[in-house]
Amino acid sequence: MRVNNPREFRLMADGSYPNIKVGIFWSIDDVIVGDGVYLQEAEEYGDALQYGEHYDFWEKLKPVNDTQMKLKSHAYDFYPRGRMVCFPKR
């Protein structure tokens, strides 16, 4: 984790972003469950680029493994969750 020394991402020469993703996630028993997209497909939210809503993902999820079953067996905000966003202008 690079909390104190974040990595910088600069636009590519053609104006596109590098291959990094933004999205949502949950941590369930040391397993990450989530959804994300490349920056080119991200949604603008103020100065940030982001993707997804926890509740919408949880509501539509059709579990295919035990970890996803655990997620669906509780309210969407039961397990620790987070979001990866990008602030391209900073």
C-alpha atoms as a PDB file:
ATOM      1  CA  MET A   1       0.000   0.000   0.000  1.00  0.00           C
ATOM      2  CA  ARG A   2       1.404   3.397  -0.955  1.00  0.00           C
ATOM      3  CA  VAL A   3      -0.436   5.679   1.432  1.00  0.00           C
ATOM      4  CA  ASN A   4       2.432   8.037   2.281  1.00  0.00           C
ATOM      5  CA  ASN A   5       4.050   7.927  -1.152  1.00  0.00           C
ATOM      6  CA  PRO A   6       1.276   7.778  -3.769  1.00  0.00           C
ATOM      7  CA  ARG A   7       2.128   6.856  -7.319  1.00  0.00           C
ATOM      8  CA  GLU A   8       1.646   9.552  -9.931  1.00  0.00           C
ATOM      9  CA  PHE A   9      -0.243   8.820 -13.126  1.00  0.00           C
ATOM     10  CA  ARG A  10       0.170  11.169 -16.034  1.00  0.00           C
ATOM     11  CA  LEU A  11      -1.785  11.283 -19.264  1.00  0.00           C
ATOM     12  CA  MET A  12      -0.277   9.347 -22.141  1.00  0.00           C
ATOM     13  CA  ALA A  13       1.031  11.278 -25.151  1.00  0.00           C
ATOM     14  CA  ASP A  14      -2.232  10.623 -27.021  1.00  0.00           C
ATOM     15  CA  GLY A  15      -4.301  12.118 -24.155  1.00  0.00           C
ATOM     16  CA  SER A  16      -5.504   8.791 -22.815  1.00  0.00           C
ATOM     17  CA  TYR A  17      -4.981   7.473 -19.299  1.00  0.00           C
ATOM     18  CA  PRO A  18      -2.684   4.604 -18.338  1.00  0.00           C
ATOM     19  CA  ASN A  19      -4.199   1.150 -17.746  1.00  0.00           C
ATOM     20  CA  ILE A  20      -5.492   1.744 -14.233  1.00  0.00           C
ATOM     21  CA  LYS A  21      -8.965   1.100 -12.881  1.00  0.00           C
ATOM     22  CA  VAL A  22     -11.451   2.728 -10.533  1.00  0.00           C
ATOM     23  CA  GLY A  23     -14.346   1.015  -8.811  1.00  0.00           C
ATOM     24  CA  ILE A  24     -15.875  -0.405  -5.665  1.00  0.00           C
ATOM     25  CA  PHE A  25     -14.905  -3.304  -3.414  1.00  0.00           C
ATOM     26  CA  TRP A  26     -15.643  -5.220  -0.222  1.00  0.00           C
ATOM     27  CA  SER A  27     -13.202  -7.131   1.980  1.00  0.00           C
ATOM     28  CA  ILE A  28     -14.643 -10.468   3.065  1.00  0.00           C
ATOM     29  CA  ASP A  29     -12.431 -12.939   4.963  1.00  0.00           C
ATOM     30  CA  ASP A  30      -9.262 -11.595   3.268  1.00  0.00           C
ATOM     31  CA  VAL A  31     -10.868 -11.823  -0.193  1.00  0.00           C
ATOM     32  CA  ILE A  32     -11.703  -8.754  -2.282  1.00  0.00           C
ATOM     33  CA  VAL A  33     -15.044  -8.707  -4.101  1.00  0.00           C
ATOM     34  CA  GLY A  34     -15.722  -5.781  -6.387  1.00  0.00           C
ATOM     35  CA  ASP A  35     -16.237  -4.196  -9.744  1.00  0.00           C
ATOM     36  CA  GLY A  36     -14.207  -1.697 -11.729  1.00  0.00           C
ATOM     37  CA  VAL A  37     -13.493  -0.149 -15.106  1.00  0.00           C
ATOM     38  CA  TYR A  38     -10.520   1.459 -16.831  1.00  0.00           C
ATOM     39  CA  LEU A  39     -10.310   5.232 -16.469  1.00  0.00           C
ATOM     40  CA  GLN A  40     -11.466   5.743 -20.056  1.00  0.00           C
ATOM     41  CA  GLU A  41     -14.837   4.252 -19.024  1.00  0.00           C
ATOM     42  CA  ALA A  42     -15.092   5.966 -15.618  1.00  0.00           C
ATOM     43  CA  GLU A  43     -17.795   8.420 -14.584  1.00  0.00           C
ATOM     44  CA  GLU A  44     -16.996  11.993 -13.596  1.00  0.00           C
ATOM     45  CA  TYR A  45     -17.971  12.937 -10.049  1.00  0.00           C
ATOM     46  CA  GLY A  46     -16.799  16.447  -9.260  1.00  0.00           C
ATOM     47  CA  ASP A  47     -13.006  16.435  -9.769  1.00  0.00           C
ATOM     48  CA  ALA A  48     -12.861  12.642  -9.493  1.00  0.00           C
ATOM     49  CA  LEU A  49     -13.221   9.758 -11.899  1.00  0.00           C
ATOM     50  CA  GLN A  50     -15.110   6.867 -10.341  1.00  0.00           C
ATOM     51  CA  TYR A  51     -17.303   3.892 -11.118  1.00  0.00           C
ATOM     52  CA  GLY A  52     -20.119   2.026  -9.453  1.00  0.00           C
ATOM     53  CA  GLU A  53     -22.382   2.127  -6.444  1.00  0.00           C
ATOM     54  CA  HIS A  54     -22.140  -0.475  -3.709  1.00  0.00           C
ATOM     55  CA  TYR A  55     -25.875  -0.975  -3.300  1.00  0.00           C
ATOM     56  CA  ASP A  56     -26.541  -1.280  -7.049  1.00  0.00           C
ATOM     57  CA  PHE A  57     -23.776  -3.882  -7.449  1.00  0.00           C
ATOM     58  CA  TRP A  58     -24.914  -5.828  -4.368  1.00  0.00           C
ATOM     59  CA  GLU A  59     -28.563  -5.806  -5.484  1.00  0.00           C
ATOM     60  CA  LYS A  60     -27.749  -7.162  -8.967  1.00  0.00           C
ATOM     61  CA  LEU A  61     -25.075  -9.670  -7.853  1.00  0.00           C
ATOM     62  CA  LYS A  62     -25.841 -13.295  -8.671  1.00  0.00           C
ATOM     63  CA  PRO A  63     -23.341 -15.171  -6.476  1.00  0.00           C
ATOM     64  CA  VAL A  64     -21.111 -17.753  -8.145  1.00  0.00           C
ATOM     65  CA  ASN A  65     -18.859 -18.628  -5.179  1.00  0.00           C
ATOM     66  CA  ASP A  66     -18.875 -18.838  -1.376  1.00  0.00           C
ATOM     67  CA  THR A  67     -17.463 -15.347  -0.847  1.00  0.00           C
ATOM     68  CA  GLN A  68     -20.129 -13.750  -3.021  1.00  0.00           C
ATOM     69  CA  MET A  69     -22.761 -15.817  -1.174  1.00  0.00           C
ATOM     70  CA  LYS A  70     -21.496 -14.330   2.103  1.00  0.00           C
ATOM     71  CA  LEU A  71     -21.804 -10.838   0.668  1.00  0.00           C
ATOM     72  CA  LYS A  72     -25.387 -11.453  -0.475  1.00  0.00           C
ATOM     73  CA  SER A  73     -26.402 -13.093   2.818  1.00  0.00           C
ATOM     74  CA  HIS A  74     -26.040  -9.759   4.651  1.00  0.00           C
ATOM     75  CA  ALA A  75     -26.971  -6.135   4.012  1.00  0.00           C
ATOM     76  CA  TYR A  76     -24.745  -4.454   1.423  1.00  0.00           C
ATOM     77  CA  ASP A  77     -23.025  -2.389   4.138  1.00  0.00           C
ATOM     78  CA  PHE A  78     -22.317  -5.273   6.559  1.00  0.00           C
ATOM     79  CA  TYR A  79     -18.742  -6.001   5.362  1.00  0.00           C
ATOM     80  CA  PRO A  80     -15.955  -3.401   5.139  1.00  0.00           C
ATOM     81  CA  ARG A  81     -16.141  -1.678   1.767  1.00  0.00           C
ATOM     82  CA  GLY A  82     -14.342   0.987  -0.167  1.00  0.00           C
ATOM     83  CA  ARG A  83     -13.889   2.794  -3.431  1.00  0.00           C
ATOM     84  CA  MET A  84     -10.909   3.437  -5.687  1.00  0.00           C
ATOM     85  CA  VAL A  85     -11.122   6.838  -7.386  1.00  0.00           C
ATOM     86  CA  CYS A  86      -8.774   8.953  -9.454  1.00  0.00           C
ATOM     87  CA  PHE A  87      -8.262  12.727  -9.304  1.00  0.00           C
ATOM     88  CA  PRO A  88      -6.622  13.377 -12.700  1.00  0.00           C
ATOM     89  CA  LYS A  89      -6.232  17.145 -12.190  1.00  0.00           C
ATOM     90  CA  ARG A  90      -4.250  16.877  -8.961  1.00  0.00           C
END
